[in-house]
């Protein structure tokens, strides 16, 4: 059975001037499933926000392993 890997053992990241968070659908390539969480912010170029940070999640097991659940929020 494969082991999970990560380059950094622990990292706390503060990202300021966030304008949008995008989560991709799961893409499958062979038996590998991937999805990305992208943080977009300033500056804007030609009306497009800059991608500041991308977190890629990957699994060789079930694509449900990288499911993202977010409860509804009320403001």
C-alpha atoms as a PDB file:
ATOM      1  CA  UNK A   1       0.000   0.000   0.000  1.00  0.00           C
ATOM      2  CA  UNK A   2       1.358   3.449  -0.935  1.00  0.00           C
ATOM      3  CA  UNK A   3       2.057   6.023   1.753  1.00  0.00           C
ATOM      4  CA  UNK A   4       0.923   9.635   1.707  1.00  0.00           C
ATOM      5  CA  UNK A   5       3.720  12.102   1.034  1.00  0.00           C
ATOM      6  CA  UNK A   6       4.224  15.803   1.621  1.00  0.00           C
ATOM      7  CA  UNK A   7       7.363  17.858   1.066  1.00  0.00           C
ATOM      8  CA  UNK A   8       7.007  20.057   4.150  1.00  0.00           C
ATOM      9  CA  UNK A   9       6.113  18.409   7.442  1.00  0.00           C
ATOM     10  CA  UNK A  10       4.110  21.391   8.643  1.00  0.00           C
ATOM     11  CA  UNK A  11       3.369  24.743   7.159  1.00  0.00           C
ATOM     12  CA  UNK A  12       1.040  27.492   8.170  1.00  0.00           C
ATOM     13  CA  UNK A  13       0.406  29.968   5.374  1.00  0.00           C
ATOM     14  CA  UNK A  14      -1.188  33.403   5.674  1.00  0.00           C
ATOM     15  CA  UNK A  15      -2.500  34.685   2.366  1.00  0.00           C
ATOM     16  CA  UNK A  16      -3.780  38.252   2.264  1.00  0.00           C
ATOM     17  CA  UNK A  17      -5.829  40.119  -0.332  1.00  0.00           C
ATOM     18  CA  UNK A  18      -7.737  36.947  -1.246  1.00  0.00           C
ATOM     19  CA  UNK A  19     -10.504  37.642  -3.735  1.00  0.00           C
ATOM     20  CA  UNK A  20     -11.635  34.163  -4.781  1.00  0.00           C
ATOM     21  CA  UNK A  21     -11.186  30.475  -3.945  1.00  0.00           C
ATOM     22  CA  UNK A  22     -11.661  27.923  -6.721  1.00  0.00           C
ATOM     23  CA  UNK A  23     -11.918  24.160  -6.251  1.00  0.00           C
ATOM     24  CA  UNK A  24     -11.600  21.999  -9.339  1.00  0.00           C
ATOM     25  CA  UNK A  25     -13.523  18.857 -10.118  1.00  0.00           C
ATOM     26  CA  UNK A  26     -11.690  15.562  -9.684  1.00  0.00           C
ATOM     27  CA  UNK A  27      -9.637  14.677 -12.790  1.00  0.00           C
ATOM     28  CA  UNK A  28      -8.629  11.062 -13.346  1.00  0.00           C
ATOM     29  CA  UNK A  29      -5.505   9.999 -15.225  1.00  0.00           C
ATOM     30  CA  UNK A  30      -5.222   6.233 -15.252  1.00  0.00           C
ATOM     31  CA  UNK A  31      -5.739   5.219 -11.633  1.00  0.00           C
ATOM     32  CA  UNK A  32      -4.660   8.592 -10.173  1.00  0.00           C
ATOM     33  CA  UNK A  33      -7.306  11.109  -9.092  1.00  0.00           C
ATOM     34  CA  UNK A  34      -6.404  14.806  -8.615  1.00  0.00           C
ATOM     35  CA  UNK A  35      -8.128  18.011  -7.704  1.00  0.00           C
ATOM     36  CA  UNK A  36      -6.829  21.481  -6.913  1.00  0.00           C
ATOM     37  CA  UNK A  37      -7.738  24.255  -4.515  1.00  0.00           C
ATOM     38  CA  UNK A  38      -6.673  27.599  -5.968  1.00  0.00           C
ATOM     39  CA  UNK A  39      -6.411  30.912  -4.133  1.00  0.00           C
ATOM     40  CA  UNK A  40      -6.815  33.979  -6.350  1.00  0.00           C
ATOM     41  CA  UNK A  41      -6.078  37.555  -5.423  1.00  0.00           C
ATOM     42  CA  UNK A  42      -4.395  40.814  -6.289  1.00  0.00           C
ATOM     43  CA  UNK A  43      -3.083  42.161  -8.547  1.00  0.00           C
ATOM     44  CA  UNK A  44      -5.477  41.839 -11.437  1.00  0.00           C
ATOM     45  CA  UNK A  45      -4.049  41.641 -14.945  1.00  0.00           C
ATOM     46  CA  UNK A  46      -6.384  42.346 -17.859  1.00  0.00           C
ATOM     47  CA  UNK A  47      -9.312  41.907 -15.479  1.00  0.00           C
ATOM     48  CA  UNK A  48      -8.105  38.484 -14.292  1.00  0.00           C
ATOM     49  CA  UNK A  49      -7.119  37.773 -10.695  1.00  0.00           C
ATOM     50  CA  UNK A  50      -3.652  36.395 -10.041  1.00  0.00           C
ATOM     51  CA  UNK A  51      -3.349  32.787  -8.878  1.00  0.00           C
ATOM     52  CA  UNK A  52      -1.434  33.142  -5.607  1.00  0.00           C
ATOM     53  CA  UNK A  53      -1.440  29.575  -4.323  1.00  0.00           C
ATOM     54  CA  UNK A  54      -2.451  26.142  -5.581  1.00  0.00           C
ATOM     55  CA  UNK A  55      -2.851  23.068  -3.411  1.00  0.00           C
ATOM     56  CA  UNK A  56      -3.061  19.825  -5.399  1.00  0.00           C
ATOM     57  CA  UNK A  57      -4.630  16.796  -3.757  1.00  0.00           C
ATOM     58  CA  UNK A  58      -3.916  13.362  -5.217  1.00  0.00           C
ATOM     59  CA  UNK A  59      -4.903   9.777  -4.476  1.00  0.00           C
ATOM     60  CA  UNK A  60      -4.456   6.429  -6.163  1.00  0.00           C
ATOM     61  CA  UNK A  61      -7.397   4.991  -4.251  1.00  0.00           C
ATOM     62  CA  UNK A  62     -11.007   6.137  -4.535  1.00  0.00           C
ATOM     63  CA  UNK A  63     -11.736   9.637  -5.824  1.00  0.00           C
ATOM     64  CA  UNK A  64     -14.039  10.079  -2.824  1.00  0.00           C
ATOM     65  CA  UNK A  65     -10.833  10.218  -0.737  1.00  0.00           C
ATOM     66  CA  UNK A  66     -10.307  13.784  -1.986  1.00  0.00           C
ATOM     67  CA  UNK A  67     -13.926  14.844  -1.588  1.00  0.00           C
ATOM     68  CA  UNK A  68     -14.283  18.324  -0.100  1.00  0.00           C
ATOM     69  CA  UNK A  69     -17.234  18.948   2.190  1.00  0.00           C
ATOM     70  CA  UNK A  70     -18.206  22.453   3.246  1.00  0.00           C
ATOM     71  CA  UNK A  71     -21.203  23.036   5.483  1.00  0.00           C
ATOM     72  CA  UNK A  72     -23.475  25.885   4.476  1.00  0.00           C
ATOM     73  CA  UNK A  73     -22.576  29.195   6.062  1.00  0.00           C
ATOM     74  CA  UNK A  74     -24.985  31.937   7.076  1.00  0.00           C
ATOM     75  CA  UNK A  75     -23.859  35.544   7.449  1.00  0.00           C
END
